[in-house]
Amino acid sequence: MNEPVVAFDLGRMLIGDEPPLFLLEIALRTVIIYAYTLFLIRWIGSRSIGQLSLVEFLLVIALGSAVGDAMFYPDVPLIHCMAVITVVVLLDKSLSYIVARNRKLEDVIEGISVEVVRDGGILWKALKQMNVGHDELFEQLRLKQVRHLGQVRAAYFETNGLLSVFTFDDPPARPGLVIEPPWDVSKPTEFRSGATVREKRRLACVQCAEVLAFSAGEAVPTCPRCGAEVWHEIR
C-alpha cells in the first residue's frame, strides 16, 4: 500500500528518491524522445503545424508536457522537471542555431516550398507526393478569393503548411477549372472519357485542370496531360 503524501516535503518536492546520476538518464531520455518526436512531426507534414515553424511547434509541445507533470503529480520531483526543460531549451537553441547556418539541414528539418499550381494547371504529381487532396487545395484557393484556376499564375505550399497564391496582374480572358462554389454544394456538369459532346463547349480535367475545347459530336478523350478520365464543364 502506498504511503500517504506528506505535504511540503522539500526532499520529495525538489529531489525525489532517485540517485543524482538519474538526472543524466533524464537528459538522455529527453534527447531521444525529442529526436523521435521531431522525426514524427516531420513525417506527418508541416500542414498540421500552422504558422509555427517545426522547431517552434516541437518546443511548445515538449515544454507543455514537461511543465504540466511537475505541477500536480507529487511523485515528480521539481529537479527532474527542471532538467527536462533545460535540455529541451538547449536542444531548441542548438537546433535553431545549426539550421540558421546550414541550408541543407534546414530543408531536411523544415521542408521546402512546393509549387502546386502553374498557369492555371494543377501540378498533380506534386500534390500526390505531399499527400494533399484536391479538396484541400481548392479550399485554400477559395480562401484567397479564387473562383477558378484560370486566375492563378502560381501557388505554393509553404514550409508552414499555408498556401501562397499569385494571380495574374491583368487577368487575361483565360478559362479554368471552376472551384467556386465547392463541388459538394454545386457540382459542375461532369463528362467522362468516351462520352459525346452534344454542343460546342470547353471542359477542364478534374485532376490537372487542363482545358480543352470540343466541337459538337466530338468524343471526350482521356486527359492528354495526366491520363484522367473525368472532366467538368467550364461555366
C-alpha atoms as a PDB file:
ATOM      1  CA  MET A   1       0.000   0.000   0.000  1.00  0.00           C
ATOM      2  CA  ASN A   2       1.386   3.401  -0.975  1.00  0.00           C
ATOM      3  CA  GLU A   3       2.349   5.693   1.833  1.00  0.00           C
ATOM      4  CA  PRO A   4       0.306   8.907   2.107  1.00  0.00           C
ATOM      5  CA  VAL A   5       1.844  12.001   0.584  1.00  0.00           C
ATOM      6  CA  VAL A   6       3.352  14.365   3.120  1.00  0.00           C
ATOM      7  CA  ALA A   7       2.601  17.919   2.075  1.00  0.00           C
ATOM      8  CA  PHE A   8       5.548  20.330   1.663  1.00  0.00           C
ATOM      9  CA  ASP A   9       8.152  17.583   1.956  1.00  0.00           C
ATOM     10  CA  LEU A  10      11.037  19.533   0.420  1.00  0.00           C
ATOM     11  CA  GLY A  11      13.129  16.418  -0.226  1.00  0.00           C
ATOM     12  CA  ARG A  12      10.326  14.798  -2.226  1.00  0.00           C
ATOM     13  CA  MET A  13       9.387  18.038  -3.969  1.00  0.00           C
ATOM     14  CA  LEU A  14      12.858  19.021  -5.110  1.00  0.00           C
ATOM     15  CA  ILE A  15      14.987  15.876  -5.438  1.00  0.00           C
ATOM     16  CA  GLY A  16      12.936  12.700  -5.032  1.00  0.00           C
ATOM     17  CA  ASP A  17      14.294   9.291  -4.083  1.00  0.00           C
ATOM     18  CA  GLU A  18      16.374   8.612  -7.214  1.00  0.00           C
ATOM     19  CA  PRO A  19      20.194   8.879  -7.159  1.00  0.00           C
ATOM     20  CA  PRO A  20      21.770  12.026  -8.669  1.00  0.00           C
ATOM     21  CA  LEU A  21      23.002  10.021 -11.671  1.00  0.00           C
ATOM     22  CA  PHE A  22      19.357   9.599 -12.673  1.00  0.00           C
ATOM     23  CA  LEU A  23      19.455  13.208 -13.904  1.00  0.00           C
ATOM     24  CA  LEU A  24      21.785  12.083 -16.700  1.00  0.00           C
ATOM     25  CA  GLU A  25      19.310   9.380 -17.634  1.00  0.00           C
ATOM     26  CA  ILE A  26      16.586  12.033 -17.781  1.00  0.00           C
ATOM     27  CA  ALA A  27      18.740  14.106 -20.120  1.00  0.00           C
ATOM     28  CA  LEU A  28      19.323  11.089 -22.398  1.00  0.00           C
ATOM     29  CA  ARG A  29      15.639  10.165 -22.359  1.00  0.00           C
ATOM     30  CA  THR A  30      14.732  13.749 -23.291  1.00  0.00           C
ATOM     31  CA  VAL A  31      17.170  13.826 -26.217  1.00  0.00           C
ATOM     32  CA  ILE A  32      15.840  10.510 -27.561  1.00  0.00           C
ATOM     33  CA  ILE A  33      12.163  11.490 -27.248  1.00  0.00           C
ATOM     34  CA  TYR A  34      12.887  14.949 -28.691  1.00  0.00           C
ATOM     35  CA  ALA A  35      14.592  13.458 -31.752  1.00  0.00           C
ATOM     36  CA  TYR A  36      11.869  10.836 -32.223  1.00  0.00           C
ATOM     37  CA  THR A  37       9.103  13.446 -31.945  1.00  0.00           C
ATOM     38  CA  LEU A  38      10.944  15.675 -34.420  1.00  0.00           C
ATOM     39  CA  PHE A  39      11.044  12.782 -36.879  1.00  0.00           C
ATOM     40  CA  LEU A  40       7.324  12.028 -36.473  1.00  0.00           C
ATOM     41  CA  ILE A  41       6.263  15.657 -36.877  1.00  0.00           C
ATOM     42  CA  ARG A  42       8.426  15.972 -39.978  1.00  0.00           C
ATOM     43  CA  TRP A  43       6.838  12.788 -41.303  1.00  0.00           C
ATOM     44  CA  ILE A  44       3.205  13.866 -40.847  1.00  0.00           C
ATOM     45  CA  GLY A  45       3.957  17.118 -42.643  1.00  0.00           C
ATOM     46  CA  SER A  46       4.001  20.794 -41.888  1.00  0.00           C
ATOM     47  CA  ARG A  47       0.320  21.311 -42.712  1.00  0.00           C
ATOM     48  CA  SER A  48      -0.540  20.062 -39.227  1.00  0.00           C
ATOM     49  CA  ILE A  49       1.539  22.783 -37.602  1.00  0.00           C
ATOM     50  CA  GLY A  50       0.031  26.007 -38.934  1.00  0.00           C
ATOM     51  CA  GLN A  51       2.009  29.230 -38.636  1.00  0.00           C
ATOM     52  CA  LEU A  52       4.667  27.877 -36.258  1.00  0.00           C
ATOM     53  CA  SER A  53       7.926  26.510 -37.602  1.00  0.00           C
ATOM     54  CA  LEU A  54       8.564  22.836 -36.921  1.00  0.00           C
ATOM     55  CA  VAL A  55      11.174  23.648 -34.258  1.00  0.00           C
ATOM     56  CA  GLU A  56       8.840  26.124 -32.540  1.00  0.00           C
ATOM     57  CA  PHE A  57       5.984  23.627 -32.595  1.00  0.00           C
ATOM     58  CA  LEU A  58       8.158  20.929 -31.069  1.00  0.00           C
ATOM     59  CA  LEU A  59       9.291  23.337 -28.355  1.00  0.00           C
ATOM     60  CA  VAL A  60       5.683  24.129 -27.437  1.00  0.00           C
ATOM     61  CA  ILE A  61       4.566  20.514 -27.056  1.00  0.00           C
ATOM     62  CA  ALA A  62       7.767  19.437 -25.290  1.00  0.00           C
ATOM     63  CA  LEU A  63       7.628  22.220 -22.710  1.00  0.00           C
ATOM     64  CA  GLY A  64       3.894  21.764 -22.241  1.00  0.00           C
ATOM     65  CA  SER A  65       4.346  18.104 -21.340  1.00  0.00           C
ATOM     66  CA  ALA A  66       7.376  18.663 -19.098  1.00  0.00           C
ATOM     67  CA  VAL A  67       5.923  21.601 -17.191  1.00  0.00           C
ATOM     68  CA  GLY A  68       2.489  20.080 -16.615  1.00  0.00           C
ATOM     69  CA  ASP A  69       3.578  16.867 -14.870  1.00  0.00           C
ATOM     70  CA  ALA A  70       5.571  18.580 -12.140  1.00  0.00           C
ATOM     71  CA  MET A  71       2.707  20.907 -11.265  1.00  0.00           C
ATOM     72  CA  PHE A  72       0.315  18.327  -9.812  1.00  0.00           C
ATOM     73  CA  TYR A  73       1.996  14.896  -9.666  1.00  0.00           C
ATOM     74  CA  PRO A  74       3.535  14.575  -6.183  1.00  0.00           C
ATOM     75  CA  ASP A  75       5.942  11.818  -7.292  1.00  0.00           C
ATOM     76  CA  VAL A  76       7.595  14.024  -9.947  1.00  0.00           C
ATOM     77  CA  PRO A  77      10.441  15.985  -8.321  1.00  0.00           C
ATOM     78  CA  LEU A  78      10.921  19.562  -9.449  1.00  0.00           C
ATOM     79  CA  ILE A  79      14.589  18.993 -10.221  1.00  0.00           C
ATOM     80  CA  HIS A  80      13.661  16.312 -12.766  1.00  0.00           C
ATOM     81  CA  CYS A  81      11.182  18.639 -14.450  1.00  0.00           C
ATOM     82  CA  MET A  82      13.750  21.434 -14.486  1.00  0.00           C
ATOM     83  CA  ALA A  83      16.302  19.069 -16.054  1.00  0.00           C
ATOM     84  CA  VAL A  84      13.879  18.175 -18.846  1.00  0.00           C
ATOM     85  CA  ILE A  85      13.012  21.819 -19.509  1.00  0.00           C
ATOM     86  CA  THR A  86      16.678  22.786 -19.575  1.00  0.00           C
ATOM     87  CA  VAL A  87      17.582  20.017 -22.021  1.00  0.00           C
ATOM     88  CA  VAL A  88      14.612  20.855 -24.279  1.00  0.00           C
ATOM     89  CA  VAL A  89      15.521  24.549 -24.404  1.00  0.00           C
ATOM     90  CA  LEU A  90      19.183  23.729 -25.076  1.00  0.00           C
ATOM     91  CA  LEU A  91      18.170  21.363 -27.873  1.00  0.00           C
ATOM     92  CA  ASP A  92      15.883  24.012 -29.345  1.00  0.00           C
ATOM     93  CA  LYS A  93      18.584  26.683 -29.212  1.00  0.00           C
ATOM     94  CA  SER A  94      21.192  24.356 -30.682  1.00  0.00           C
ATOM     95  CA  LEU A  95      18.914  23.170 -33.461  1.00  0.00           C
ATOM     96  CA  SER A  96      17.848  26.716 -34.333  1.00  0.00           C
ATOM     97  CA  TYR A  97      21.499  27.818 -34.411  1.00  0.00           C
ATOM     98  CA  ILE A  98      22.527  24.947 -36.701  1.00  0.00           C
ATOM     99  CA  VAL A  99      19.512  25.286 -39.006  1.00  0.00           C
ATOM    100  CA  ALA A 100      20.121  29.015 -39.445  1.00  0.00           C
ATOM    101  CA  ARG A 101      23.632  28.268 -40.718  1.00  0.00           C
ATOM    102  CA  ASN A 102      23.040  25.122 -42.753  1.00  0.00           C
ATOM    103  CA  ARG A 103      20.625  25.407 -45.663  1.00  0.00           C
ATOM    104  CA  LYS A 104      20.594  21.691 -46.425  1.00  0.00           C
ATOM    105  CA  LEU A 105      19.741  20.792 -42.833  1.00  0.00           C
ATOM    106  CA  GLU A 106      17.063  23.484 -42.834  1.00  0.00           C
ATOM    107  CA  ASP A 107      15.458  21.879 -45.890  1.00  0.00           C
ATOM    108  CA  VAL A 108      15.582  18.446 -44.232  1.00  0.00           C
ATOM    109  CA  ILE A 109      14.015  19.619 -40.968  1.00  0.00           C
ATOM    110  CA  GLU A 110      11.665  22.386 -42.069  1.00  0.00           C
ATOM    111  CA  GLY A 111      10.916  21.055 -45.544  1.00  0.00           C
ATOM    112  CA  ILE A 112      10.770  23.080 -48.760  1.00  0.00           C
ATOM    113  CA  SER A 113       8.111  25.111 -50.534  1.00  0.00           C
ATOM    114  CA  VAL A 114       6.281  23.143 -53.238  1.00  0.00           C
ATOM    115  CA  GLU A 115       4.657  24.597 -56.358  1.00  0.00           C
ATOM    116  CA  VAL A 116       1.191  23.090 -56.838  1.00  0.00           C
ATOM    117  CA  VAL A 117      -0.410  25.364 -59.459  1.00  0.00           C
ATOM    118  CA  ARG A 118       1.241  26.889 -62.526  1.00  0.00           C
ATOM    119  CA  ASP A 119      -0.542  29.000 -65.155  1.00  0.00           C
ATOM    120  CA  GLY A 120      -3.946  27.636 -64.166  1.00  0.00           C
ATOM    121  CA  GLY A 121      -2.874  23.989 -64.205  1.00  0.00           C
ATOM    122  CA  ILE A 122      -2.576  21.704 -61.210  1.00  0.00           C
ATOM    123  CA  LEU A 123       0.795  20.038 -60.661  1.00  0.00           C
ATOM    124  CA  TRP A 124      -0.952  16.884 -59.549  1.00  0.00           C
ATOM    125  CA  LYS A 125       2.213  14.829 -59.073  1.00  0.00           C
ATOM    126  CA  ALA A 126       3.452  17.370 -56.512  1.00  0.00           C
ATOM    127  CA  LEU A 127       0.118  17.164 -54.691  1.00  0.00           C
ATOM    128  CA  LYS A 128       0.349  13.387 -54.652  1.00  0.00           C
ATOM    129  CA  GLN A 129       3.861  13.445 -53.216  1.00  0.00           C
ATOM    130  CA  MET A 130       2.665  15.781 -50.449  1.00  0.00           C
ATOM    131  CA  ASN A 131      -0.425  13.634 -49.743  1.00  0.00           C
ATOM    132  CA  VAL A 132      -2.589  16.694 -50.321  1.00  0.00           C
ATOM    133  CA  GLY A 133      -6.030  16.210 -51.811  1.00  0.00           C
ATOM    134  CA  HIS A 134      -7.645  18.437 -54.401  1.00  0.00           C
ATOM    135  CA  ASP A 135     -10.363  19.403 -51.921  1.00  0.00           C
ATOM    136  CA  GLU A 136      -7.768  20.824 -49.528  1.00  0.00           C
ATOM    137  CA  LEU A 137      -6.063  22.744 -52.336  1.00  0.00           C
ATOM    138  CA  PHE A 138      -9.352  24.177 -53.587  1.00  0.00           C
ATOM    139  CA  GLU A 139     -10.380  25.182 -50.070  1.00  0.00           C
ATOM    140  CA  GLN A 140      -7.130  27.114 -49.615  1.00  0.00           C
ATOM    141  CA  LEU A 141      -7.585  28.786 -53.003  1.00  0.00           C
ATOM    142  CA  ARG A 142     -11.159  29.825 -52.212  1.00  0.00           C
ATOM    143  CA  LEU A 143      -9.903  31.462 -49.016  1.00  0.00           C
ATOM    144  CA  LYS A 144      -7.752  33.610 -51.348  1.00  0.00           C
ATOM    145  CA  GLN A 145     -10.870  34.627 -53.311  1.00  0.00           C
ATOM    146  CA  VAL A 146     -10.034  32.374 -56.273  1.00  0.00           C
ATOM    147  CA  ARG A 147     -13.114  31.278 -58.228  1.00  0.00           C
ATOM    148  CA  HIS A 148     -11.441  29.279 -60.987  1.00  0.00           C
ATOM    149  CA  LEU A 149      -7.893  28.163 -61.693  1.00  0.00           C
ATOM    150  CA  GLY A 150      -7.563  30.357 -64.766  1.00  0.00           C
ATOM    151  CA  GLN A 151      -6.978  33.248 -62.356  1.00  0.00           C
ATOM    152  CA  VAL A 152      -3.915  31.626 -60.772  1.00  0.00           C
ATOM    153  CA  ARG A 153      -0.407  32.261 -62.124  1.00  0.00           C
ATOM    154  CA  ALA A 154       1.279  30.221 -59.376  1.00  0.00           C
ATOM    155  CA  ALA A 155       0.502  28.721 -55.976  1.00  0.00           C
ATOM    156  CA  TYR A 156       2.925  27.263 -53.448  1.00  0.00           C
ATOM    157  CA  PHE A 157       2.502  25.234 -50.289  1.00  0.00           C
ATOM    158  CA  GLU A 158       4.979  26.904 -47.949  1.00  0.00           C
ATOM    159  CA  THR A 159       7.003  25.164 -45.245  1.00  0.00           C
ATOM    160  CA  ASN A 160       4.488  26.239 -42.571  1.00  0.00           C
ATOM    161  CA  GLY A 161       1.674  24.468 -44.415  1.00  0.00           C
ATOM    162  CA  LEU A 162      -0.029  27.618 -45.709  1.00  0.00           C
ATOM    163  CA  LEU A 163      -0.741  28.275 -49.381  1.00  0.00           C
ATOM    164  CA  SER A 164       0.638  31.383 -51.076  1.00  0.00           C
ATOM    165  CA  VAL A 165      -1.242  32.357 -54.235  1.00  0.00           C
ATOM    166  CA  PHE A 166      -0.182  34.659 -57.070  1.00  0.00           C
ATOM    167  CA  THR A 167      -2.807  35.706 -59.597  1.00  0.00           C
ATOM    168  CA  PHE A 168      -2.299  37.322 -62.981  1.00  0.00           C
ATOM    169  CA  ASP A 169      -1.837  41.100 -62.632  1.00  0.00           C
ATOM    170  CA  ASP A 170      -4.034  41.779 -65.643  1.00  0.00           C
ATOM    171  CA  PRO A 171      -6.328  38.767 -65.767  1.00  0.00           C
ATOM    172  CA  PRO A 172      -6.493  37.596 -69.378  1.00  0.00           C
ATOM    173  CA  ALA A 173      -9.602  36.025 -70.825  1.00  0.00           C
ATOM    174  CA  ARG A 174      -8.457  32.526 -69.968  1.00  0.00           C
ATOM    175  CA  PRO A 175     -10.685  29.666 -68.822  1.00  0.00           C
ATOM    176  CA  GLY A 176     -10.005  27.497 -65.813  1.00  0.00           C
ATOM    177  CA  LEU A 177     -11.357  24.687 -63.662  1.00  0.00           C
ATOM    178  CA  VAL A 178     -14.217  26.116 -61.600  1.00  0.00           C
ATOM    179  CA  ILE A 179     -13.799  25.640 -57.829  1.00  0.00           C
ATOM    180  CA  GLU A 180     -16.419  28.106 -56.544  1.00  0.00           C
ATOM    181  CA  PRO A 181     -18.895  27.176 -55.249  1.00  0.00           C
ATOM    182  CA  PRO A 182     -17.450  23.997 -53.683  1.00  0.00           C
ATOM    183  CA  TRP A 183     -18.381  20.902 -55.639  1.00  0.00           C
ATOM    184  CA  ASP A 184     -20.251  19.399 -52.691  1.00  0.00           C
ATOM    185  CA  VAL A 185     -22.511  22.480 -52.786  1.00  0.00           C
ATOM    186  CA  SER A 186     -22.984  22.706 -56.551  1.00  0.00           C
ATOM    187  CA  LYS A 187     -21.129  20.276 -58.793  1.00  0.00           C
ATOM    188  CA  PRO A 188     -20.451  21.329 -62.398  1.00  0.00           C
ATOM    189  CA  THR A 189     -21.691  19.175 -65.260  1.00  0.00           C
ATOM    190  CA  GLU A 190     -19.420  16.134 -65.470  1.00  0.00           C
ATOM    191  CA  PHE A 191     -18.173  14.329 -68.542  1.00  0.00           C
ATOM    192  CA  ARG A 192     -16.233  11.061 -68.661  1.00  0.00           C
ATOM    193  CA  SER A 193     -13.906   9.861 -71.390  1.00  0.00           C
ATOM    194  CA  GLY A 194     -15.833   8.230 -74.203  1.00  0.00           C
ATOM    195  CA  ALA A 195     -18.866  10.490 -73.798  1.00  0.00           C
ATOM    196  CA  THR A 196     -20.009  12.585 -76.758  1.00  0.00           C
ATOM    197  CA  VAL A 197     -20.250  16.360 -76.535  1.00  0.00           C
ATOM    198  CA  ARG A 198     -23.588  17.462 -77.957  1.00  0.00           C
ATOM    199  CA  GLU A 199     -22.654  21.103 -78.466  1.00  0.00           C
ATOM    200  CA  LYS A 200     -19.514  23.201 -78.626  1.00  0.00           C
ATOM    201  CA  ARG A 201     -18.017  23.711 -75.169  1.00  0.00           C
ATOM    202  CA  ARG A 202     -14.823  23.774 -73.127  1.00  0.00           C
ATOM    203  CA  LEU A 203     -14.020  21.186 -70.479  1.00  0.00           C
ATOM    204  CA  ALA A 204     -11.415  21.114 -67.709  1.00  0.00           C
ATOM    205  CA  CYS A 205      -9.735  17.975 -66.416  1.00  0.00           C
ATOM    206  CA  VAL A 206     -10.647  17.402 -62.776  1.00  0.00           C
ATOM    207  CA  GLN A 207      -7.184  16.102 -61.866  1.00  0.00           C
ATOM    208  CA  CYS A 208      -4.767  18.532 -63.553  1.00  0.00           C
ATOM    209  CA  ALA A 209      -7.137  21.337 -64.713  1.00  0.00           C
ATOM    210  CA  GLU A 210      -6.065  21.015 -68.366  1.00  0.00           C
ATOM    211  CA  VAL A 211      -8.609  22.904 -70.510  1.00  0.00           C
ATOM    212  CA  LEU A 212      -9.655  21.672 -73.953  1.00  0.00           C
ATOM    213  CA  ALA A 213     -12.236  22.919 -76.444  1.00  0.00           C
ATOM    214  CA  PHE A 214     -14.641  20.414 -78.010  1.00  0.00           C
ATOM    215  CA  SER A 215     -16.885  20.631 -81.030  1.00  0.00           C
ATOM    216  CA  ALA A 216     -20.418  19.244 -81.220  1.00  0.00           C
ATOM    217  CA  GLY A 217     -20.381  15.470 -81.706  1.00  0.00           C
ATOM    218  CA  GLU A 218     -16.756  15.109 -80.571  1.00  0.00           C
ATOM    219  CA  ALA A 219     -15.861  12.295 -78.157  1.00  0.00           C
ATOM    220  CA  VAL A 220     -14.238  13.169 -74.846  1.00  0.00           C
ATOM    221  CA  PRO A 221     -10.770  11.568 -74.526  1.00  0.00           C
ATOM    222  CA  THR A 222      -8.685  10.772 -71.506  1.00  0.00           C
ATOM    223  CA  CYS A 223      -6.670  13.787 -70.440  1.00  0.00           C
ATOM    224  CA  PRO A 224      -3.560  14.084 -72.648  1.00  0.00           C
ATOM    225  CA  ARG A 225      -1.663  15.676 -69.772  1.00  0.00           C
ATOM    226  CA  CYS A 226      -2.374  13.352 -66.828  1.00  0.00           C
ATOM    227  CA  GLY A 227      -4.478  10.479 -68.175  1.00  0.00           C
ATOM    228  CA  ALA A 228      -7.542  11.221 -66.022  1.00  0.00           C
ATOM    229  CA  GLU A 229     -10.992  10.372 -67.345  1.00  0.00           C
ATOM    230  CA  VAL A 230     -13.235  12.918 -65.615  1.00  0.00           C
ATOM    231  CA  TRP A 231     -13.875  16.429 -66.949  1.00  0.00           C
ATOM    232  CA  HIS A 232     -16.002  19.330 -65.754  1.00  0.00           C
ATOM    233  CA  GLU A 233     -17.795  21.829 -67.890  1.00  0.00           C
ATOM    234  CA  ILE A 234     -16.459  25.369 -67.617  1.00  0.00           C
ATOM    235  CA  ARG A 235     -19.376  27.713 -66.970  1.00  0.00           C
END
